[in-house]
Protein backbone atom coordinates (compact mmCIF):
# COMPACT_ATOMS: atom_id res chain seq x y z
CA MET A 1 7.37 22.07 8.46
CA PRO A 2 8.38 22.11 12.27
CA ILE A 3 6.98 19.56 14.42
CA SER A 4 5.89 21.57 16.02
CA SER A 5 3.31 22.59 13.44
CA ALA A 6 1.84 19.05 13.41
CA SER A 7 -1.39 19.30 14.78
CA ALA A 8 -2.62 21.30 11.47
CA ARG A 9 -5.39 19.83 10.80
CA LEU A 10 -6.65 17.89 7.28
CA GLU A 11 -10.57 19.07 7.09
CA PRO A 12 -12.97 15.93 6.66
CA ARG A 13 -14.47 15.24 3.25
CA GLY A 14 -17.25 13.04 2.45
CA ALA A 15 -19.95 11.33 4.57
CA ALA A 16 -19.27 8.72 7.59
CA LEU A 17 -17.56 5.36 6.34
CA THR A 18 -19.43 2.45 8.11
CA ALA A 19 -18.86 -0.98 8.80
CA GLY A 20 -20.75 -3.25 5.85
CA PRO A 21 -23.54 -5.89 6.98
CA ALA A 22 -20.86 -8.64 7.29
CA ALA A 23 -18.73 -6.40 9.65
CA GLN A 24 -22.09 -5.83 11.66
CA ARG A 25 -23.05 -9.54 11.64
CA ALA A 26 -19.65 -10.18 13.21
CA GLY A 27 -20.11 -7.45 15.93
CA ARG A 28 -16.78 -5.31 14.74
CA SER A 29 -17.12 -2.42 15.54
CA MET A 30 -16.36 1.29 13.35
CA THR A 31 -16.80 3.50 16.62
CA ASN A 32 -13.22 3.86 17.71
CA ALA A 33 -13.20 7.37 19.03
CA PHE A 34 -9.72 8.21 17.50
CA SER A 35 -8.19 11.69 18.36
CA ARG A 36 -5.26 11.86 16.51
CA ILE A 37 -3.59 9.70 13.55
CA ILE A 38 -0.86 9.98 11.97
CA VAL A 39 -0.58 8.48 8.29
CA THR A 40 3.24 7.81 7.39
CA GLY A 41 4.26 7.94 3.38
CA ALA A 42 1.41 10.45 3.01
CA ASN A 43 2.32 11.72 0.00
CA GLY A 44 2.57 8.80 -1.86
CA PHE A 45 0.30 6.43 -3.54
CA VAL A 46 -1.62 5.10 -1.16
CA GLY A 47 -1.48 8.46 1.55
CA PRO A 48 -3.65 11.04 -0.03
CA ARG A 49 -6.53 7.90 -0.44
CA LEU A 50 -6.32 6.45 2.61
CA ILE A 51 -6.44 10.31 4.31
CA GLU A 52 -9.82 10.85 3.16
CA ARG A 53 -11.15 7.57 3.68
CA LEU A 54 -10.35 8.23 7.49
CA ALA A 55 -11.54 11.70 7.31
CA GLU A 56 -14.58 10.17 6.32
CA ALA A 57 -14.65 7.35 9.04
CA PHE A 58 -13.64 9.57 11.80
CA PRO A 59 -14.74 12.93 11.29
CA GLN A 60 -13.50 14.09 14.78
CA ALA A 61 -10.15 13.33 14.42
CA GLU A 62 -7.10 15.36 13.55
CA LEU A 63 -5.37 13.97 10.79
CA ILE A 64 -1.53 14.25 10.05
CA GLY A 65 0.22 13.29 7.11
CA ILE A 66 4.13 12.46 7.39
CA TYR A 67 6.06 12.88 3.75
CA PHE A 68 9.60 12.73 3.11
CA GLY A 69 10.72 14.85 -0.44
CA GLY A 70 8.56 16.31 -2.82
CA ALA A 71 6.55 18.80 -3.06
CA PRO A 72 5.45 20.43 0.74
CA MET A 73 2.14 18.80 1.60
CA PRO A 74 -0.72 21.24 3.18
CA GLY A 75 -0.96 20.32 7.05
CA GLY A 76 1.36 17.64 6.88
CA VAL A 77 5.02 17.12 8.64
CA GLU A 78 7.96 16.23 6.65
CA LEU A 79 9.95 13.71 8.15
CA ASP A 80 12.94 11.54 7.49
CA ILE A 81 11.89 8.68 9.88
CA ARG A 82 15.64 7.10 8.95
CA ASP A 83 16.18 10.13 11.88
CA ALA A 84 15.74 7.89 15.13
CA ASP A 85 15.83 11.63 17.29
CA ALA A 86 13.48 12.94 15.11
CA VAL A 87 11.12 9.99 14.90
CA ASP A 88 10.92 10.34 18.87
CA GLN A 89 10.74 13.69 18.89
CA ALA A 90 7.83 13.54 16.35
CA ILE A 91 5.75 10.97 18.31
CA ALA A 92 5.91 12.74 21.47
CA GLN A 93 4.48 16.31 20.99
CA ILE A 94 1.90 14.56 17.86
CA SER A 95 1.10 12.07 20.83
CA PRO A 96 -1.33 10.00 18.11
CA ASP A 97 -3.86 6.99 19.22
CA ALA A 98 -3.38 5.62 15.99
CA VAL A 99 -0.47 5.49 13.11
CA VAL A 100 -1.06 4.12 10.18
CA HIS A 101 2.82 3.21 8.51
CA LEU A 102 3.08 3.34 4.84
CA ALA A 103 6.03 5.09 4.03
CA ALA A 104 8.46 2.38 2.50
CA ILE A 105 10.73 2.38 -0.54
CA SER A 106 8.40 -0.14 -2.43
CA GLN A 107 9.76 -0.20 -5.82
CA VAL A 108 11.14 -3.49 -6.39
CA GLN A 109 14.26 -2.59 -8.93
CA GLU A 110 14.80 0.92 -7.17
CA ALA A 111 15.50 -1.31 -3.70
CA GLN A 112 17.78 -3.92 -5.65
CA LEU A 113 19.87 -1.02 -6.69
CA ALA A 114 20.17 0.79 -3.21
CA PRO A 115 19.82 -1.92 -0.42
CA ALA A 116 21.35 -0.20 2.52
CA ALA A 117 19.13 2.52 1.52
CA THR A 118 15.80 0.80 1.25
CA PHE A 119 16.82 -0.93 4.69
CA ALA A 120 17.09 2.12 6.40
CA VAL A 121 13.64 2.79 5.32
CA ASN A 122 11.76 -0.18 5.26
CA PHE A 123 13.35 -1.36 8.51
CA GLY A 124 15.10 1.37 10.03
CA GLY A 125 12.10 3.85 10.01
CA THR A 126 9.63 0.94 11.27
CA LEU A 127 11.71 0.19 14.21
CA ASN A 128 12.01 3.91 14.72
CA LEU A 129 8.74 4.58 14.82
CA ALA A 130 7.57 1.63 16.87
CA VAL A 131 9.79 2.14 19.81
CA ALA A 132 9.34 6.05 19.59
CA MET A 133 5.21 4.55 19.84
CA ARG A 134 6.67 2.40 23.23
CA LEU A 135 7.80 4.87 24.79
CA HIS A 136 5.53 7.81 24.37
CA VAL A 137 2.14 7.01 23.21
CA PRO A 138 1.87 2.59 24.08
CA GLN A 139 -1.76 2.49 24.10
CA ALA A 140 -1.63 4.02 20.96
CA ARG A 141 -2.70 1.79 17.65
CA LEU A 142 -0.24 0.74 15.27
CA LEU A 143 -1.38 -0.29 11.69
CA PHE A 144 2.18 -1.76 9.49
CA ALA A 145 2.14 -1.82 5.73
CA SER A 146 3.75 -5.14 4.81
CA SER A 147 3.42 -6.87 1.23
CA SER A 148 2.77 -9.88 -0.10
CA GLU A 149 5.90 -9.83 -1.22
CA VAL A 150 7.45 -11.36 1.99
CA TYR A 151 5.79 -14.91 1.07
CA GLY A 152 8.04 -14.60 -2.26
CA GLY A 153 9.57 -18.76 -2.69
CA SER A 154 6.49 -19.57 -0.83
CA PHE A 155 4.39 -19.01 -4.14
CA ARG A 156 6.36 -21.40 -5.74
CA HIS A 157 5.46 -24.30 -4.05
CA ALA A 158 1.45 -23.37 -3.41
CA SER A 159 -1.49 -25.04 -5.16
CA ALA A 160 -3.63 -22.78 -3.87
CA PRO A 161 -3.80 -19.12 -2.52
CA LEU A 162 -1.48 -18.05 0.21
CA ASN A 163 -2.92 -17.57 3.53
CA GLU A 164 -1.21 -15.96 6.86
CA SER A 165 0.18 -18.85 8.04
CA ALA A 166 2.21 -19.55 4.92
CA VAL A 167 6.32 -19.51 5.52
CA LEU A 168 8.05 -15.66 5.23
CA ASP A 169 10.87 -16.38 2.30
CA PRO A 170 11.26 -13.40 0.37
CA MET A 171 13.58 -13.91 -2.70
CA ASN A 172 14.36 -9.58 -3.77
CA LEU A 173 15.73 -6.97 -1.45
CA TYR A 174 12.10 -4.93 -1.10
CA ALA A 175 10.59 -7.85 0.40
CA SER A 176 13.34 -8.94 2.74
CA SER A 177 13.23 -5.83 4.22
CA LYS A 178 9.57 -5.77 4.57
CA ALA A 179 9.31 -9.28 6.00
CA ALA A 180 12.30 -7.79 8.46
CA ALA A 181 9.93 -5.18 9.39
CA ASP A 182 6.97 -7.70 9.74
CA LEU A 183 9.00 -9.56 12.05
CA LEU A 184 9.86 -6.82 14.19
CA ILE A 185 6.55 -5.40 14.47
CA GLY A 186 5.03 -9.08 15.34
CA GLN A 187 7.82 -9.50 18.32
CA MET A 188 7.33 -6.11 19.52
CA ALA A 189 3.65 -7.37 19.62
CA HIS A 190 4.06 -10.07 21.77
CA GLU A 191 6.07 -7.75 24.13
CA GLY A 192 2.58 -5.08 24.44
CA LEU A 193 2.84 -2.97 20.91
CA SER A 194 -0.40 -2.79 19.80
CA ALA A 195 -0.31 -3.39 16.11
CA VAL A 196 -1.56 -4.98 13.37
CA ARG A 197 0.12 -5.88 9.78
CA VAL A 198 -1.79 -5.82 6.89
CA ARG A 199 -0.05 -7.67 3.80
CA PRO A 200 -1.62 -6.14 0.56
CA PHE A 201 -1.11 -7.81 -2.90
CA ASN A 202 -0.78 -5.95 -6.17
CA HIS A 203 -2.68 -2.97 -6.01
CA THR A 204 -2.88 0.29 -8.55
CA GLY A 205 -5.29 2.82 -9.74
CA PRO A 206 -5.10 6.51 -11.37
CA GLY A 207 -1.82 8.36 -10.34
CA GLN A 208 0.35 5.30 -9.17
CA GLU A 209 3.66 5.87 -11.00
CA ASP A 210 4.99 4.44 -14.33
CA ARG A 211 7.54 2.57 -13.09
CA PHE A 212 4.87 0.05 -11.55
CA VAL A 213 4.06 -2.67 -14.60
CA VAL A 214 0.23 -1.31 -14.99
CA PRO A 215 0.96 2.50 -14.83
CA SER A 216 3.67 1.50 -17.69
CA PHE A 217 1.65 -0.06 -19.89
CA VAL A 218 -1.16 2.80 -19.29
CA ALA A 219 1.32 5.68 -19.38
CA GLN A 220 2.84 3.96 -23.18
CA ILE A 221 -0.43 3.35 -24.84
CA VAL A 222 -1.74 7.09 -24.03
CA ASN A 223 1.92 8.41 -25.09
CA ILE A 224 1.60 6.29 -27.93
CA GLU A 225 -2.20 8.05 -29.20
CA ARG A 226 -0.64 11.23 -28.44
CA GLY A 227 2.58 10.27 -30.94
CA ARG A 228 5.18 10.79 -28.41
CA GLN A 229 6.18 7.23 -28.43
CA GLU A 230 6.75 4.86 -31.82
CA PRO A 231 3.81 2.17 -31.85
CA VAL A 232 5.54 -0.18 -29.71
CA LEU A 233 4.94 -0.99 -26.18
CA GLY A 234 8.22 -2.83 -23.90
CA VAL A 235 7.08 -5.30 -21.75
CA GLY A 236 8.47 -7.29 -18.97
CA ASN A 237 7.16 -10.96 -18.32
CA LEU A 238 3.85 -11.25 -19.88
CA ASP A 239 2.87 -14.84 -18.29
CA ALA A 240 3.76 -13.70 -14.62
CA GLN A 241 0.26 -14.06 -12.77
CA ARG A 242 -0.44 -11.66 -9.85
CA ASP A 243 -3.31 -10.45 -7.61
CA PHE A 244 -4.35 -7.35 -8.63
CA LEU A 245 -7.02 -5.36 -6.44
CA ASP A 246 -8.28 -1.39 -6.92
CA VAL A 247 -6.11 0.98 -4.46
CA ARG A 248 -9.49 2.09 -2.75
CA ASP A 249 -10.35 -1.45 -1.70
CA VAL A 250 -6.87 -1.47 0.02
CA VAL A 251 -7.74 1.38 1.61
CA ALA A 252 -11.14 0.13 2.92
CA ALA A 253 -9.67 -2.60 3.95
CA TYR A 254 -7.09 -0.27 6.12
CA VAL A 255 -9.65 1.82 7.25
CA LEU A 256 -11.62 -1.48 8.41
CA ALA A 257 -8.46 -2.82 10.51
CA LEU A 258 -7.32 0.10 12.03
CA ALA A 259 -10.89 0.54 13.27
CA SER A 260 -12.06 -2.77 14.64
CA GLU A 261 -12.00 -3.04 18.44
CA SER A 262 -11.78 -7.14 17.72
CA LEU A 263 -7.96 -7.80 16.46
CA ASP A 264 -5.54 -9.28 18.83
CA LYS A 265 -2.26 -7.58 19.08
CA GLY A 266 0.15 -8.44 16.31
CA THR A 267 -2.75 -10.02 13.90
CA ILE A 268 -1.85 -10.04 10.33
CA LEU A 269 -4.72 -10.16 7.16
CA ASN A 270 -3.89 -10.64 3.98
CA ILE A 271 -5.53 -8.06 1.47
CA ALA A 272 -6.04 -10.17 -1.58
CA SER A 273 -8.74 -10.79 -4.28
CA GLY A 274 -7.83 -14.57 -4.14
CA GLN A 275 -7.84 -13.92 -8.54
CA PRO A 276 -4.29 -14.08 -10.02
CA ARG A 277 -4.34 -12.68 -13.14
CA ARG A 278 -1.94 -12.85 -16.02
CA ILE A 279 0.12 -10.04 -16.83
CA GLY A 280 -0.22 -10.27 -20.51
CA ASP A 281 -4.66 -10.67 -20.24
CA ILE A 282 -4.22 -7.60 -18.18
CA LEU A 283 -2.57 -5.89 -21.11
CA GLU A 284 -4.59 -7.24 -23.42
CA THR A 285 -7.45 -5.67 -22.28
CA LEU A 286 -5.71 -2.18 -22.14
CA LEU A 287 -4.73 -2.69 -25.93
CA GLY A 288 -8.69 -3.24 -26.75
CA ARG A 289 -9.27 0.46 -25.03
CA ALA A 290 -6.31 1.33 -26.62
CA LYS A 291 -7.42 4.21 -29.78
CA LEU A 292 -4.90 2.72 -32.81
CA PRO A 293 -2.84 -0.73 -33.13
CA ILE A 294 0.21 -1.22 -30.89
CA ARG A 295 2.78 -3.63 -31.10
CA VAL A 296 4.32 -5.40 -27.87
CA VAL A 297 8.10 -6.53 -27.54
CA VAL A 298 9.56 -7.81 -24.60
CA ASP A 299 12.28 -5.22 -22.71
CA PRO A 300 14.90 -7.06 -20.85
CA ALA A 301 15.40 -4.10 -18.69
CA GLN A 302 11.56 -4.85 -17.18
CA LEU A 303 11.77 -8.59 -16.44
CA ARG A 304 13.31 -9.52 -12.60
CA PRO A 305 16.51 -11.58 -11.75
CA VAL A 306 14.41 -13.56 -9.78
CA GLU A 307 10.32 -14.50 -11.00
CA ILE A 308 7.57 -15.80 -9.13
CA PRO A 309 5.33 -17.63 -12.04
CA VAL A 310 1.75 -17.38 -10.00
CA ALA A 311 1.20 -15.27 -6.93
CA ALA A 312 -2.20 -15.42 -5.14
CA GLY A 313 -3.69 -14.29 -1.62
CA ASP A 314 -6.18 -15.89 0.25
CA ALA A 315 -8.05 -13.05 2.45
CA GLY A 316 -10.11 -15.34 4.04
CA ARG A 317 -9.17 -14.12 7.50
CA ALA A 318 -10.22 -10.55 6.40
CA ARG A 319 -13.54 -11.41 5.33
CA ALA A 320 -14.42 -13.05 8.91
CA LEU A 321 -12.77 -10.42 11.30
CA LEU A 322 -13.20 -7.02 9.04
CA GLY A 323 -16.19 -8.03 6.72
CA TRP A 324 -14.05 -7.10 4.07
CA ALA A 325 -14.24 -7.83 0.51
CA PRO A 326 -12.60 -6.52 -2.57
CA GLN A 327 -15.93 -4.42 -4.30
CA ILE A 328 -14.23 -2.58 -7.56
CA PRO A 329 -14.27 -4.91 -10.86
CA PHE A 330 -10.82 -5.01 -11.85
CA GLU A 331 -11.35 -4.00 -15.61
CA GLU A 332 -13.22 -0.90 -13.84
CA THR A 333 -9.88 -0.04 -12.45
CA LEU A 334 -7.85 -0.15 -15.85
CA ALA A 335 -10.84 2.02 -17.79
CA GLU A 336 -10.37 4.35 -15.50
CA MET A 337 -6.69 4.58 -15.02
CA LEU A 338 -6.59 4.71 -18.70
CA GLU A 339 -8.80 7.13 -18.82
CA ALA A 340 -7.31 9.44 -16.25
CA ARG A 341 -4.05 9.45 -18.01
CA ARG A 342 -5.77 10.23 -21.27
CA ALA A 343 -7.04 13.38 -19.28
CA LYS A 344 -3.34 14.66 -17.99
CA PRO A 345 -2.43 17.30 -20.66
CA ASP A 346 1.31 16.40 -19.90
CA ALA A 347 1.04 12.45 -20.11
CA VAL A 348 4.69 11.24 -20.60
CA SER A 349 6.05 8.16 -19.80
CA GLY A 350 8.01 8.22 -16.23
């Protein structure tokens, strides 16, 4: 779609989102009158859910989803964020007063195989967007979705969940590209960019690509139940422990962070449960819901070259500044993922 069509409106759905009691007690506002909000990476896993919640929170705003590749997105704009001139033109023409930047190469193994492309998208695309915003909409709010992966090696030395003061020590290509972009946005915030950085920990839910660990388990279980796969499930490191959230809780945090009028430029917020979960225990929960016995085998292709035993985050700052806390039990998330996959008539492992 040409950039000039960017004003196509995504119709609001649902009731207006309001801040929770904790946010109200802290005096946090949900009254920002954004008129035009851009979401990059709008056709990814998080994007559609975020657009839906933004439509509830800001029913007066135009929501413009920016995507690249895949099926055309109704009301969206196809844009390669690696193209600085195209990004500049888009920001100038759309003139948003808020941008949520999700677009990234986000799968670790994919990033490892394509270092130049990963940095071009994750760092270069972020640079192009931030520069264009500084030039054309200097007062607009930028919410940058970083990643817990940026902490990397700091997890190895931690005796408790990490807070935002932990040293960035990325241990894979994806993490280093995100850390570079994270630091870039922090530096530009010092120069006046109205930016907030969120560092979400692992999040999942129905519809996430099978290349990620939990949906991979779910897809294999359903394929086995349907006779499309032998009753053997391939896994990576089951002893690793990760801090998992339901994607809806992450999206709720993003909306609150975008809306808050009390966050300083450059604020960093961990989005985390604080509770590490062993991958093997997650698998056992899913296997307990399977319709037939399944044998588990280690697949060397799924093992990361560098592994972090335990990764968990301290989201105390998000609780204090936003009144945010996870609301959805993770066991409920797993059950919903399994049922959603079973409901798909063409469910095959991707």
